PDB file of N, CA and C in Angstrom:
ATOM      1  N   MET A   1      45.582  69.150 114.407  1.00  0.00           N
ATOM      2  CA  MET A   1      44.952  69.636 113.196  1.00  0.00           C
ATOM      3  C   MET A   1      44.361  71.015 113.490  1.00  0.00           C
ATOM      4  N   ASP A   2      44.460  71.871 112.512  1.00  0.00           N
ATOM      5  CA  ASP A   2      43.980  73.244 112.640  1.00  0.00           C
ATOM      6  C   ASP A   2      42.699  73.392 111.837  1.00  0.00           C
ATOM      7  N   THR A   3      41.566  73.542 112.517  1.00  0.00           N
ATOM      8  CA  THR A   3      40.272  73.660 111.845  1.00  0.00           C
ATOM      9  C   THR A   3      39.867  75.125 111.761  1.00  0.00           C
ATOM     10  N   LYS A   4      39.551  75.574 110.565  1.00  0.00           N
ATOM     11  CA  LYS A   4      39.124  76.951 110.350  1.00  0.00           C
ATOM     12  C   LYS A   4      37.884  76.958 109.465  1.00  0.00           C
ATOM     13  N   LEU A   5      37.059  77.954 109.688  1.00  0.00           N
ATOM     14  CA  LEU A   5      35.888  78.145 108.844  1.00  0.00           C
ATOM     15  C   LEU A   5      36.354  78.762 107.534  1.00  0.00           C
ATOM     16  N   ARG A   6      36.115  78.096 106.421  1.00  0.00           N
ATOM     17  CA  ARG A   6      36.613  78.552 105.121  1.00  0.00           C
ATOM     18  C   ARG A   6      35.516  79.068 104.190  1.00  0.00           C
ATOM     19  N   LEU A   7      34.343  78.494 104.273  1.00  0.00           N
ATOM     20  CA  LEU A   7      33.230  78.898 103.410  1.00  0.00           C
ATOM     21  C   LEU A   7      32.049  79.263 104.285  1.00  0.00           C
ATOM     22  N   TRP A   8      31.438  80.408 104.017  1.00  0.00           N
ATOM     23  CA  TRP A   8      30.266  80.802 104.802  1.00  0.00           C
ATOM     24  C   TRP A   8      29.392  81.748 103.994  1.00  0.00           C
ATOM     25  N   ASP A   9      28.145  81.814 104.402  1.00  0.00           N
ATOM     26  CA  ASP A   9      27.178  82.735 103.807  1.00  0.00           C
ATOM     27  C   ASP A   9      27.457  84.109 104.408  1.00  0.00           C
ATOM     28  N   ARG A  10      27.880  85.058 103.605  1.00  0.00           N
ATOM     29  CA  ARG A  10      28.285  86.369 104.126  1.00  0.00           C
ATOM     30  C   ARG A  10      27.128  87.143 104.754  1.00  0.00           C
ATOM     31  N   ARG A  11      25.917  86.678 104.525  1.00  0.00           N
ATOM     32  CA  ARG A  11      24.756  87.311 105.184  1.00  0.00           C
ATOM     33  C   ARG A  11      24.611  86.826 106.623  1.00  0.00           C
ATOM     34  N   LYS A  12      25.311  85.730 106.958  1.00  0.00           N
ATOM     35  CA  LYS A  12      25.171  85.141 108.300  1.00  0.00           C
ATOM     36  C   LYS A  12      26.451  85.185 109.125  1.00  0.00           C
ATOM     37  N   GLY A  13      27.507  85.769 108.577  1.00  0.00           N
ATOM     38  CA  GLY A  13      28.765  85.829 109.319  1.00  0.00           C
ATOM     39  C   GLY A  13      29.592  87.036 108.929  1.00  0.00           C
ATOM     40  N   ASN A  14      30.443  87.487 109.852  1.00  0.00           N
ATOM     41  CA  ASN A  14      31.310  88.644 109.618  1.00  0.00           C
ATOM     42  C   ASN A  14      32.687  88.394 110.216  1.00  0.00           C
ATOM     43  N   TRP A  15      33.678  89.104 109.691  1.00  0.00           N
ATOM     44  CA  TRP A  15      35.019  89.053 110.257  1.00  0.00           C
ATOM     45  C   TRP A  15      35.002  89.727 111.620  1.00  0.00           C
ATOM     46  N   SER A  16      35.731  89.142 112.560  1.00  0.00           N
ATOM     47  CA  SER A  16      35.880  89.756 113.879  1.00  0.00           C
ATOM     48  C   SER A  16      37.290  89.470 114.370  1.00  0.00           C
ATOM     49  N   GLY A  17      37.683  90.096 115.445  1.00  0.00           N
ATOM     50  CA  GLY A  17      39.016  89.888 116.001  1.00  0.00           C
ATOM     51  C   GLY A  17      39.950  91.020 115.625  1.00  0.00           C
ATOM     52  N   ILE A  18      41.175  90.900 116.063  1.00  0.00           N
ATOM     53  CA  ILE A  18      42.178  91.935 115.840  1.00  0.00           C
ATOM     54  C   ILE A  18      43.380  91.325 115.129  1.00  0.00           C
ATOM     55  N   ASN A  19      43.817  91.953 114.072  1.00  0.00           N
ATOM     56  CA  ASN A  19      45.047  91.611 113.352  1.00  0.00           C
ATOM     57  C   ASN A  19      45.212  90.128 113.086  1.00  0.00           C
ATOM     58  N   LEU A  20      46.163  89.502 113.779  1.00  0.00           N
ATOM     59  CA  LEU A  20      46.484  88.096 113.519  1.00  0.00           C
ATOM     60  C   LEU A  20      45.390  87.134 113.945  1.00  0.00           C
ATOM     61  N   HIS A  21      44.524  87.577 114.828  1.00  0.00           N
ATOM     62  CA  HIS A  21      43.530  86.678 115.389  1.00  0.00           C
ATOM     63  C   HIS A  21      42.150  86.901 114.790  1.00  0.00           C
ATOM     64  N   GLU A  22      42.127  87.333 113.547  1.00  0.00           N
ATOM     65  CA  GLU A  22      40.839  87.525 112.888  1.00  0.00           C
ATOM     66  C   GLU A  22      40.183  86.170 112.646  1.00  0.00           C
ATOM     67  N   SER A  23      38.880  86.171 112.757  1.00  0.00           N
ATOM     68  CA  SER A  23      38.122  84.954 112.503  1.00  0.00           C
ATOM     69  C   SER A  23      36.722  85.353 112.053  1.00  0.00           C
ATOM     70  N   VAL A  24      35.969  84.373 111.660  1.00  0.00           N
ATOM     71  CA  VAL A  24      34.599  84.628 111.235  1.00  0.00           C
ATOM     72  C   VAL A  24      33.680  84.390 112.422  1.00  0.00           C
ATOM     73  N   LYS A  25      32.841  85.345 112.711  1.00  0.00           N
ATOM     74  CA  LYS A  25      31.835  85.234 113.783  1.00  0.00           C
ATOM     75  C   LYS A  25      30.492  85.023 113.103  1.00  0.00           C
ATOM     76  N   MET A  26      29.930  83.847 113.323  1.00  0.00           N
ATOM     77  CA  MET A  26      28.652  83.505 112.707  1.00  0.00           C
ATOM     78  C   MET A  26      27.505  83.895 113.637  1.00  0.00           C
ATOM     79  N   GLN A  27      26.348  84.178 113.038  1.00  0.00           N
ATOM     80  CA  GLN A  27      25.147  84.463 113.815  1.00  0.00           C
ATOM     81  C   GLN A  27      24.770  83.216 114.599  1.00  0.00           C
ATOM     82  N   ASP A  28      24.082  83.410 115.700  1.00  0.00           N
ATOM     83  CA  ASP A  28      23.715  82.284 116.563  1.00  0.00           C
ATOM     84  C   ASP A  28      22.860  81.242 115.850  1.00  0.00           C
ATOM     85  N   ASN A  29      22.045  81.661 114.910  1.00  0.00           N
ATOM     86  CA  ASN A  29      21.149  80.719 114.232  1.00  0.00           C
ATOM     87  C   ASN A  29      21.783  80.065 113.003  1.00  0.00           C
ATOM     88  N   ALA A  30      23.031  80.377 112.707  1.00  0.00           N
ATOM     89  CA  ALA A  30      23.696  79.812 111.526  1.00  0.00           C
ATOM     90  C   ALA A  30      24.153  78.373 111.809  1.00  0.00           C
ATOM     91  N   THR A  31      24.054  77.535 110.800  1.00  0.00           N
ATOM     92  CA  THR A  31      24.491  76.152 110.900  1.00  0.00           C
ATOM     93  C   THR A  31      25.900  76.030 110.337  1.00  0.00           C
ATOM     94  N   ILE A  32      26.768  75.344 111.079  1.00  0.00           N
ATOM     95  CA  ILE A  32      28.144  75.137 110.628  1.00  0.00           C
ATOM     96  C   ILE A  32      28.357  73.649 110.430  1.00  0.00           C
ATOM     97  N   GLU A  33      28.862  73.284 109.251  1.00  0.00           N
ATOM     98  CA  GLU A  33      29.139  71.884 108.945  1.00  0.00           C
ATOM     99  C   GLU A  33      30.592  71.757 108.516  1.00  0.00           C
ATOM    100  N   LYS A  34      31.144  70.571 108.678  1.00  0.00           N
ATOM    101  CA  LYS A  34      32.525  70.311 108.273  1.00  0.00           C
ATOM    102  C   LYS A  34      32.531  69.539 106.962  1.00  0.00           C
ATOM    103  N   LEU A  35      33.431  69.942 106.070  1.00  0.00           N
ATOM    104  CA  LEU A  35      33.614  69.221 104.819  1.00  0.00           C
ATOM    105  C   LEU A  35      34.501  68.019 105.071  1.00  0.00           C
ATOM    106  N   LYS A  36      34.305  66.965 104.325  1.00  0.00           N
ATOM    107  CA  LYS A  36      35.166  65.793 104.454  1.00  0.00           C
ATOM    108  C   LYS A  36      36.459  66.040 103.690  1.00  0.00           C
ATOM    109  N   GLY A  37      37.528  65.467 104.186  1.00  0.00           N
ATOM    110  CA  GLY A  37      38.812  65.582 103.506  1.00  0.00           C
ATOM    111  C   GLY A  37      39.659  66.698 104.079  1.00  0.00           C
ATOM    112  N   ASP A  38      40.810  66.879 103.495  1.00  0.00           N
ATOM    113  CA  ASP A  38      41.766  67.875 103.944  1.00  0.00           C
ATOM    114  C   ASP A  38      41.917  68.979 102.910  1.00  0.00           C
ATOM    115  N   LEU A  39      42.207  70.158 103.392  1.00  0.00           N
ATOM    116  CA  LEU A  39      42.535  71.282 102.526  1.00  0.00           C
ATOM    117  C   LEU A  39      44.028  71.506 102.659  1.00  0.00           C
ATOM    118  N   LEU A  40      44.762  71.306 101.584  1.00  0.00           N
ATOM    119  CA  LEU A  40      46.198  71.525 101.619  1.00  0.00           C
ATOM    120  C   LEU A  40      46.451  73.006 101.388  1.00  0.00           C
ATOM    121  N   HIS A  41      47.059  73.638 102.371  1.00  0.00           N
ATOM    122  CA  HIS A  41      47.270  75.080 102.340  1.00  0.00           C
ATOM    123  C   HIS A  41      48.771  75.355 102.310  1.00  0.00           C
ATOM    124  N   TYR A  42      49.272  75.688 101.149  1.00  0.00           N
ATOM    125  CA  TYR A  42      50.699  75.985 101.001  1.00  0.00           C
ATOM    126  C   TYR A  42      50.885  77.487 101.114  1.00  0.00           C
ATOM    127  N   SER A  43      51.265  77.920 102.288  1.00  0.00           N
ATOM    128  CA  SER A  43      51.385  79.355 102.560  1.00  0.00           C
ATOM    129  C   SER A  43      52.613  79.978 101.923  1.00  0.00           C
ATOM    130  N   TYR A  44      53.673  79.197 101.796  1.00  0.00           N
ATOM    131  CA  TYR A  44      54.951  79.729 101.320  1.00  0.00           C
ATOM    132  C   TYR A  44      55.547  78.766 100.304  1.00  0.00           C
ATOM    133  N   TYR A  45      56.223  79.340  99.334  1.00  0.00           N
ATOM    134  CA  TYR A  45      56.880  78.516  98.323  1.00  0.00           C
ATOM    135  C   TYR A  45      58.390  78.563  98.456  1.00  0.00           C
ATOM    136  N   SER A  46      58.891  79.346  99.413  1.00  0.00           N
ATOM    137  CA  SER A  46      60.337  79.405  99.650  1.00  0.00           C
ATOM    138  C   SER A  46      60.595  79.829 101.088  1.00  0.00           C
ATOM    139  N   ILE A  47      61.801  79.577 101.548  1.00  0.00           N
ATOM    140  CA  ILE A  47      62.206  80.008 102.888  1.00  0.00           C
ATOM    141  C   ILE A  47      62.152  81.528 102.961  1.00  0.00           C
ATOM    142  N   ARG A  48      62.541  82.192 101.900  1.00  0.00           N
ATOM    143  CA  ARG A  48      62.510  83.661 101.876  1.00  0.00           C
ATOM    144  C   ARG A  48      61.096  84.197 102.127  1.00  0.00           C
ATOM    145  N   GLN A  49      60.105  83.607 101.451  1.00  0.00           N
ATOM    146  CA  GLN A  49      58.719  84.028 101.660  1.00  0.00           C
ATOM    147  C   GLN A  49      58.297  83.791 103.110  1.00  0.00           C
ATOM    148  N   HIS A  50      58.712  82.656 103.670  1.00  0.00           N
ATOM    149  CA  HIS A  50      58.362  82.347 105.051  1.00  0.00           C
ATOM    150  C   HIS A  50      58.990  83.372 106.004  1.00  0.00           C
ATOM    151  N   LEU A  51      60.262  83.716 105.772  1.00  0.00           N
ATOM    152  CA  LEU A  51      60.935  84.711 106.611  1.00  0.00           C
ATOM    153  C   LEU A  51      60.305  86.094 106.468  1.00  0.00           C
ATOM    154  N   ASP A  52      59.886  86.443 105.264  1.00  0.00           N
ATOM    155  CA  ASP A  52      59.200  87.731 105.062  1.00  0.00           C
ATOM    156  C   ASP A  52      57.904  87.780 105.872  1.00  0.00           C
ATOM    157  N   GLN A  53      57.161  86.675 105.875  1.00  0.00           N
ATOM    158  CA  GLN A  53      55.916  86.613 106.639  1.00  0.00           C
ATOM    159  C   GLN A  53      56.191  86.654 108.142  1.00  0.00           C
ATOM    160  N   ILE A  54      57.259  85.992 108.570  1.00  0.00           N
ATOM    161  CA  ILE A  54      57.632  86.032 109.986  1.00  0.00           C
ATOM    162  C   ILE A  54      57.909  87.467 110.404  1.00  0.00           C
ATOM    163  N   ASN A  55      58.637  88.189 109.592  1.00  0.00           N
ATOM    164  CA  ASN A  55      58.947  89.582 109.920  1.00  0.00           C
ATOM    165  C   ASN A  55      57.662  90.411 110.002  1.00  0.00           C
ATOM    166  N   LYS A  56      56.787  90.233 109.051  1.00  0.00           N
ATOM    167  CA  LYS A  56      55.527  90.985 109.021  1.00  0.00           C
ATOM    168  C   LYS A  56      54.631  90.624 110.215  1.00  0.00           C
ATOM    169  N   PHE A  57      54.407  89.330 110.436  1.00  0.00           N
ATOM    170  CA  PHE A  57      53.495  88.906 111.487  1.00  0.00           C
ATOM    171  C   PHE A  57      54.067  89.113 112.882  1.00  0.00           C
ATOM    172  N   SER A  58      55.384  89.012 113.038  1.00  0.00           N
ATOM    173  CA  SER A  58      55.973  89.247 114.361  1.00  0.00           C
ATOM    174  C   SER A  58      55.830  90.710 114.748  1.00  0.00           C
ATOM    175  N   GLU A  59      55.874  91.597 113.775  1.00  0.00           N
ATOM    176  CA  GLU A  59      55.670  93.032 114.033  1.00  0.00           C
ATOM    177  C   GLU A  59      54.236  93.279 114.511  1.00  0.00           C
ATOM    178  N   ILE A  60      53.280  92.686 113.822  1.00  0.00           N
ATOM    179  CA  ILE A  60      51.872  92.837 114.195  1.00  0.00           C
ATOM    180  C   ILE A  60      51.631  92.238 115.579  1.00  0.00           C
ATOM    181  N   ALA A  61      52.158  91.037 115.818  1.00  0.00           N
ATOM    182  CA  ALA A  61      51.953  90.359 117.096  1.00  0.00           C
ATOM    183  C   ALA A  61      52.618  91.115 118.241  1.00  0.00           C
ATOM    184  N   ALA A  62      53.796  91.682 118.008  1.00  0.00           N
ATOM    185  CA  ALA A  62      54.488  92.450 119.048  1.00  0.00           C
ATOM    186  C   ALA A  62      53.676  93.686 119.413  1.00  0.00           C
ATOM    187  N   ASN A  63      53.189  94.397 118.427  1.00  0.00           N
ATOM    188  CA  ASN A  63      52.355  95.578 118.694  1.00  0.00           C
ATOM    189  C   ASN A  63      51.087  95.192 119.449  1.00  0.00           C
ATOM    190  N   GLU A  64      50.475  94.099 119.048  1.00  0.00           N
ATOM    191  CA  GLU A  64      49.258  93.628 119.707  1.00  0.00           C
ATOM    192  C   GLU A  64      49.553  93.241 121.158  1.00  0.00           C
ATOM    193  N   GLY A  65      50.689  92.570 121.382  1.00  0.00           N
ATOM    194  CA  GLY A  65      51.074  92.182 122.735  1.00  0.00           C
ATOM    195  C   GLY A  65      51.283  93.379 123.638  1.00  0.00           C
ATOM    196  N   ILE A  66      51.948  94.402 123.119  1.00  0.00           N
ATOM    197  CA  ILE A  66      52.173  95.630 123.890  1.00  0.00           C
ATOM    198  C   ILE A  66      50.841  96.306 124.201  1.00  0.00           C
ATOM    199  N   MET A  67      49.950  96.371 123.211  1.00  0.00           N
ATOM    200  CA  MET A  67      48.629  96.986 123.429  1.00  0.00           C
ATOM    201  C   MET A  67      47.843  96.258 124.516  1.00  0.00           C
ATOM    202  N   LYS A  68      48.032  94.946 124.618  1.00  0.00           N
ATOM    203  CA  LYS A  68      47.316  94.156 125.621  1.00  0.00           C
ATOM    204  C   LYS A  68      48.049  94.123 126.962  1.00  0.00           C
ATOM    205  N   GLY A  69      49.189  94.821 127.048  1.00  0.00           N
ATOM    206  CA  GLY A  69      49.931  94.876 128.306  1.00  0.00           C
ATOM    207  C   GLY A  69      50.756  93.647 128.608  1.00  0.00           C
ATOM    208  N   LYS A  70      51.025  92.809 127.618  1.00  0.00           N
ATOM    209  CA  LYS A  70      51.842  91.618 127.835  1.00  0.00           C
ATOM    210  C   LYS A  70      53.291  92.029 128.052  1.00  0.00           C
ATOM    211  N   LYS A  71      54.006  91.219 128.809  1.00  0.00           N
ATOM    212  CA  LYS A  71      55.412  91.502 129.101  1.00  0.00           C
ATOM    213  C   LYS A  71      56.295  90.453 128.459  1.00  0.00           C
ATOM    214  N   SER A  72      57.541  90.829 128.222  1.00  0.00           N
ATOM    215  CA  SER A  72      58.496  89.917 127.638  1.00  0.00           C
ATOM    216  C   SER A  72      59.884  90.248 128.169  1.00  0.00           C
ATOM    217  N   SER A  73      60.781  89.306 128.031  1.00  0.00           N
ATOM    218  CA  SER A  73      62.178  89.499 128.419  1.00  0.00           C
ATOM    219  C   SER A  73      63.017  88.566 127.558  1.00  0.00           C
ATOM    220  N   LEU A  74      64.327  88.702 127.638  1.00  0.00           N
ATOM    221  CA  LEU A  74      65.200  87.810 126.877  1.00  0.00           C
ATOM    222  C   LEU A  74      64.998  86.370 127.347  1.00  0.00           C
ATOM    223  N   PHE A  75      64.915  86.162 128.652  1.00  0.00           N
ATOM    224  CA  PHE A  75      64.680  84.823 129.186  1.00  0.00           C
ATOM    225  C   PHE A  75      63.370  84.250 128.641  1.00  0.00           C
ATOM    226  N   PHE A  76      62.315  85.051 128.683  1.00  0.00           N
ATOM    227  CA  PHE A  76      61.009  84.630 128.194  1.00  0.00           C
ATOM    228  C   PHE A  76      61.083  84.287 126.706  1.00  0.00           C
ATOM    229  N   ALA A  77      61.784  85.111 125.925  1.00  0.00           N
ATOM    230  CA  ALA A  77      61.920  84.882 124.486  1.00  0.00           C
ATOM    231  C   ALA A  77      62.607  83.543 124.208  1.00  0.00           C
ATOM    232  N   VAL A  78      63.688  83.271 124.929  1.00  0.00           N
ATOM    233  CA  VAL A  78      64.426  82.017 124.737  1.00  0.00           C
ATOM    234  C   VAL A  78      63.577  80.833 125.187  1.00  0.00           C
ATOM    235  N   PHE A  79      62.998  80.929 126.384  1.00  0.00           N
ATOM    236  CA  PHE A  79      62.187  79.830 126.923  1.00  0.00           C
ATOM    237  C   PHE A  79      60.995  79.518 126.025  1.00  0.00           C
ATOM    238  N   LYS A  80      60.250  80.561 125.631  1.00  0.00           N
ATOM    239  CA  LYS A  80      59.057  80.335 124.805  1.00  0.00           C
ATOM    240  C   LYS A  80      59.396  79.766 123.435  1.00  0.00           C
ATOM    241  N   SER A  81      60.498  80.234 122.835  1.00  0.00           N
ATOM    242  CA  SER A  81      60.846  79.727 121.508  1.00  0.00           C
ATOM    243  C   SER A  81      61.307  78.265 121.580  1.00  0.00           C
ATOM    244  N   ILE A  82      62.049  77.915 122.637  1.00  0.00           N
ATOM    245  CA  ILE A  82      62.453  76.509 122.804  1.00  0.00           C
ATOM    246  C   ILE A  82      61.218  75.637 123.020  1.00  0.00           C
ATOM    247  N   TRP A  83      60.298  76.101 123.851  1.00  0.00           N
ATOM    248  CA  TRP A  83      59.065  75.348 124.098  1.00  0.00           C
ATOM    249  C   TRP A  83      58.254  75.182 122.809  1.00  0.00           C
ATOM    250  N   LYS A  84      58.160  76.244 122.016  1.00  0.00           N
ATOM    251  CA  LYS A  84      57.409  76.189 120.755  1.00  0.00           C
ATOM    252  C   LYS A  84      57.991  75.115 119.842  1.00  0.00           C
ATOM    253  N   PHE A  85      59.331  75.085 119.730  1.00  0.00           N
ATOM    254  CA  PHE A  85      59.952  74.073 118.880  1.00  0.00           C
ATOM    255  C   PHE A  85      59.675  72.672 119.413  1.00  0.00           C
ATOM    256  N   LYS A  86      59.900  72.453 120.713  1.00  0.00           N
ATOM    257  CA  LYS A  86      59.672  71.122 121.300  1.00  0.00           C
ATOM    258  C   LYS A  86      58.218  70.691 121.120  1.00  0.00           C
ATOM    259  N   ARG A  87      57.293  71.597 121.391  1.00  0.00           N
ATOM    260  CA  ARG A  87      55.875  71.258 121.276  1.00  0.00           C
ATOM    261  C   ARG A  87      55.516  70.842 119.850  1.00  0.00           C
ATOM    262  N   ASP A  88      55.924  71.680 118.872  1.00  0.00           N
ATOM    263  CA  ASP A  88      55.546  71.404 117.488  1.00  0.00           C
ATOM    264  C   ASP A  88      56.309  70.217 116.899  1.00  0.00           C
ATOM    265  N   TYR A  89      57.608  70.133 117.154  1.00  0.00           N
ATOM    266  CA  TYR A  89      58.435  69.098 116.525  1.00  0.00           C
ATOM    267  C   TYR A  89      58.264  67.737 117.184  1.00  0.00           C
ATOM    268  N   ILE A  90      58.182  67.725 118.515  1.00  0.00           N
ATOM    269  CA  ILE A  90      58.103  66.442 119.222  1.00  0.00           C
ATOM    270  C   ILE A  90      56.656  66.065 119.535  1.00  0.00           C
ATOM    271  N   PHE A  91      55.968  66.905 120.312  1.00  0.00           N
ATOM    272  CA  PHE A  91      54.632  66.537 120.785  1.00  0.00           C
ATOM    273  C   PHE A  91      53.572  66.578 119.691  1.00  0.00           C
ATOM    274  N   LYS A  92      53.703  67.486 118.731  1.00  0.00           N
ATOM    275  CA  LYS A  92      52.745  67.537 117.616  1.00  0.00           C
ATOM    276  C   LYS A  92      53.254  66.770 116.403  1.00  0.00           C
ATOM    277  N   LEU A  93      54.331  66.012 116.590  1.00  0.00           N
ATOM    278  CA  LEU A  93      54.875  65.070 115.610  1.00  0.00           C
ATOM    279  C   LEU A  93      55.393  65.711 114.324  1.00  0.00           C
ATOM    280  N   GLY A  94      55.910  66.929 114.425  1.00  0.00           N
ATOM    281  CA  GLY A  94      56.487  67.582 113.257  1.00  0.00           C
ATOM    282  C   GLY A  94      57.634  66.793 112.657  1.00  0.00           C
ATOM    283  N   PHE A  95      58.329  65.997 113.478  1.00  0.00           N
ATOM    284  CA  PHE A  95      59.462  65.199 112.993  1.00  0.00           C
ATOM    285  C   PHE A  95      59.031  64.188 111.939  1.00  0.00           C
ATOM    286  N   LEU A  96      57.755  63.835 111.916  1.00  0.00           N
ATOM    287  CA  LEU A  96      57.269  62.888 110.907  1.00  0.00           C
ATOM    288  C   LEU A  96      57.294  63.482 109.498  1.00  0.00           C
ATOM    289  N   ASP A  97      57.394  64.797 109.404  1.00  0.00           N
ATOM    290  CA  ASP A  97      57.452  65.455 108.097  1.00  0.00           C
ATOM    291  C   ASP A  97      58.877  65.661 107.612  1.00  0.00           C
ATOM    292  N   GLY A  98      59.827  65.025 108.272  1.00  0.00           N
ATOM    293  CA  GLY A  98      61.218  65.050 107.818  1.00  0.00           C
ATOM    294  C   GLY A  98      61.839  66.434 107.827  1.00  0.00           C
ATOM    295  N   TYR A  99      62.607  66.700 106.780  1.00  0.00           N
ATOM    296  CA  TYR A  99      63.338  67.965 106.651  1.00  0.00           C
ATOM    297  C   TYR A  99      62.417  69.173 106.777  1.00  0.00           C
ATOM    298  N   TYR A 100      61.311  69.147 106.042  1.00  0.00           N
ATOM    299  CA  TYR A 100      60.406  70.295 106.048  1.00  0.00           C
ATOM    300  C   TYR A 100      59.696  70.459 107.393  1.00  0.00           C
ATOM    301  N   GLY A 101      59.431  69.367 108.071  1.00  0.00           N
ATOM    302  CA  GLY A 101      58.866  69.457 109.407  1.00  0.00           C
ATOM    303  C   GLY A 101      59.816  70.163 110.350  1.00  0.00           C
ATOM    304  N   PHE A 102      61.106  69.825 110.235  1.00  0.00           N
ATOM    305  CA  PHE A 102      62.110  70.487 111.063  1.00  0.00           C
ATOM    306  C   PHE A 102      62.200  71.974 110.732  1.00  0.00           C
ATOM    307  N   VAL A 103      62.250  72.299 109.450  1.00  0.00           N
ATOM    308  CA  VAL A 103      62.376  73.694 109.019  1.00  0.00           C
ATOM    309  C   VAL A 103      61.180  74.515 109.488  1.00  0.00           C
ATOM    310  N   VAL A 104      59.982  74.007 109.298  1.00  0.00           N
ATOM    311  CA  VAL A 104      58.782  74.745 109.698  1.00  0.00           C
ATOM    312  C   VAL A 104      58.744  74.931 111.218  1.00  0.00           C
ATOM    313  N   CYS A 105      59.083  73.906 111.977  1.00  0.00           N
ATOM    314  CA  CYS A 105      59.088  74.028 113.440  1.00  0.00           C
ATOM    315  C   CYS A 105      60.164  75.006 113.905  1.00  0.00           C
ATOM    316  N   ALA A 106      61.327  74.973 113.281  1.00  0.00           N
ATOM    317  CA  ALA A 106      62.403  75.904 113.644  1.00  0.00           C
ATOM    318  C   ALA A 106      62.004  77.339 113.311  1.00  0.00           C
ATOM    319  N   LEU A 107      61.391  77.551 112.157  1.00  0.00           N
ATOM    320  CA  LEU A 107      60.960  78.901 111.786  1.00  0.00           C
ATOM    321  C   LEU A 107      59.822  79.391 112.672  1.00  0.00           C
ATOM    322  N   SER A 108      58.941  78.501 113.105  1.00  0.00           N
ATOM    323  CA  SER A 108      57.868  78.890 114.027  1.00  0.00           C
ATOM    324  C   SER A 108      58.447  79.315 115.373  1.00  0.00           C
ATOM    325  N   ALA A 109      59.449  78.590 115.844  1.00  0.00           N
ATOM    326  CA  ALA A 109      60.114  78.957 117.090  1.00  0.00           C
ATOM    327  C   ALA A 109      60.836  80.294 116.929  1.00  0.00           C
ATOM    328  N   HIS A 110      61.438  80.492 115.773  1.00  0.00           N
ATOM    329  CA  HIS A 110      62.118  81.755 115.462  1.00  0.00           C
ATOM    330  C   HIS A 110      61.121  82.915 115.500  1.00  0.00           C
ATOM    331  N   MET A 111      59.929  82.701 114.982  1.00  0.00           N
ATOM    332  CA  MET A 111      58.882  83.730 115.001  1.00  0.00           C
ATOM    333  C   MET A 111      58.561  84.150 116.433  1.00  0.00           C
ATOM    334  N   VAL A 112      58.428  83.169 117.322  1.00  0.00           N
ATOM    335  CA  VAL A 112      58.129  83.469 118.732  1.00  0.00           C
ATOM    336  C   VAL A 112      59.258  84.301 119.337  1.00  0.00           C
ATOM    337  N   PHE A 113      60.504  83.904 119.064  1.00  0.00           N
ATOM    338  CA  PHE A 113      61.655  84.634 119.596  1.00  0.00           C
ATOM    339  C   PHE A 113      61.671  86.076 119.086  1.00  0.00           C
ATOM    340  N   ILE A 114      61.488  86.250 117.786  1.00  0.00           N
ATOM    341  CA  ILE A 114      61.516  87.590 117.179  1.00  0.00           C
ATOM    342  C   ILE A 114      60.380  88.453 117.720  1.00  0.00           C
ATOM    343  N   LYS A 115      59.199  87.883 117.880  1.00  0.00           N
ATOM    344  CA  LYS A 115      58.065  88.640 118.430  1.00  0.00           C
ATOM    345  C   LYS A 115      58.400  89.157 119.824  1.00  0.00           C
ATOM    346  N   CYS A 116      58.955  88.297 120.668  1.00  0.00           N
ATOM    347  CA  CYS A 116      59.296  88.713 122.036  1.00  0.00           C
ATOM    348  C   CYS A 116      60.364  89.799 122.043  1.00  0.00           C
ATOM    349  N   ILE A 117      61.365  89.665 121.181  1.00  0.00           N
ATOM    350  CA  ILE A 117      62.426  90.672 121.101  1.00  0.00           C
ATOM    351  C   ILE A 117      61.859  92.003 120.607  1.00  0.00           C
ATOM    352  N   LYS A 118      60.966  91.960 119.635  1.00  0.00           N
ATOM    353  CA  LYS A 118      60.332  93.188 119.142  1.00  0.00           C
ATOM    354  C   LYS A 118      59.472  93.831 120.226  1.00  0.00           C
ATOM    355  N   MET A 119      58.828  93.015 121.052  1.00  0.00           N
ATOM    356  CA  MET A 119      58.054  93.562 122.171  1.00  0.00           C
ATOM    357  C   MET A 119      58.978  94.307 123.138  1.00  0.00           C
ATOM    358  N   ASN A 120      60.161  93.724 123.404  1.00  0.00           N
ATOM    359  CA  ASN A 120      61.138  94.390 124.272  1.00  0.00           C
ATOM    360  C   ASN A 120      61.559  95.734 123.694  1.00  0.00           C
ATOM    361  N   GLU A 121      61.809  95.765 122.384  1.00  0.00           N
ATOM    362  CA  GLU A 121      62.218  97.014 121.737  1.00  0.00           C
ATOM    363  C   GLU A 121      61.105  98.072 121.827  1.00  0.00           C
ATOM    364  N   LEU A 122      59.879  97.661 121.579  1.00  0.00           N
ATOM    365  CA  LEU A 122      58.753  98.587 121.678  1.00  0.00           C
ATOM    366  C   LEU A 122      58.589  99.119 123.094  1.00  0.00           C
ATOM    367  N   LYS A 123      58.752  98.218 124.061  1.00  0.00           N
ATOM    368  CA  LYS A 123      58.629  98.612 125.468  1.00  0.00           C
ATOM    369  C   LYS A 123      59.710  99.636 125.825  1.00  0.00           C
ATOM    370  N   LYS A 124      60.951  99.389 125.400  1.00  0.00           N
ATOM    371  CA  LYS A 124      62.056 100.310 125.691  1.00  0.00           C
ATOM    372  C   LYS A 124      61.865 101.655 124.992  1.00  0.00           C
ATOM    373  N   ALA A 125      61.237 101.625 123.820  1.00  0.00           N
ATOM    374  CA  ALA A 125      60.998 102.866 123.074  1.00  0.00           C
ATOM    375  C   ALA A 125      59.789 103.635 123.635  1.00  0.00           C
ATOM    376  N   GLY A 126      59.096 103.018 124.584  1.00  0.00           N
ATOM    377  CA  GLY A 126      57.947 103.665 125.219  1.00  0.00           C
ATOM    378  C   GLY A 126      56.699 103.689 124.395  1.00  0.00           C
ATOM    379  N   LYS A 127      56.534 102.699 123.507  1.00  0.00           N
ATOM    380  CA  LYS A 127      55.343 102.637 122.642  1.00  0.00           C
ATOM    381  C   LYS A 127      54.302 101.743 123.216  1.00  0.00           C
TER     382      LYS A 127
END
């Protein structure tokens, strides 16, 4: 389960982080409570929208990785994307969501592969 802070008093918290890893940083004296129930978050309404987001976020993540000095290779891209699929589909039980679980896990693995390949391109271009 992915827990995120969704509601906060803007006088007691601010956005922090870089690009994809933005989060809310609360003051030390702020109280954080969890709401009961689930928040259904439908990020995409079509495969096309999901692929558009993958392209956008993989570009941001690749640039961020290069800025942090991370390295990548074709082997790393293949290995990491296979691991991402196995982790999400098998170990995190994505298979229980049927067709859509498979599609989401495959697209998440694709995102990892594309990010690594974009990092290679940026590295070769000297950026």
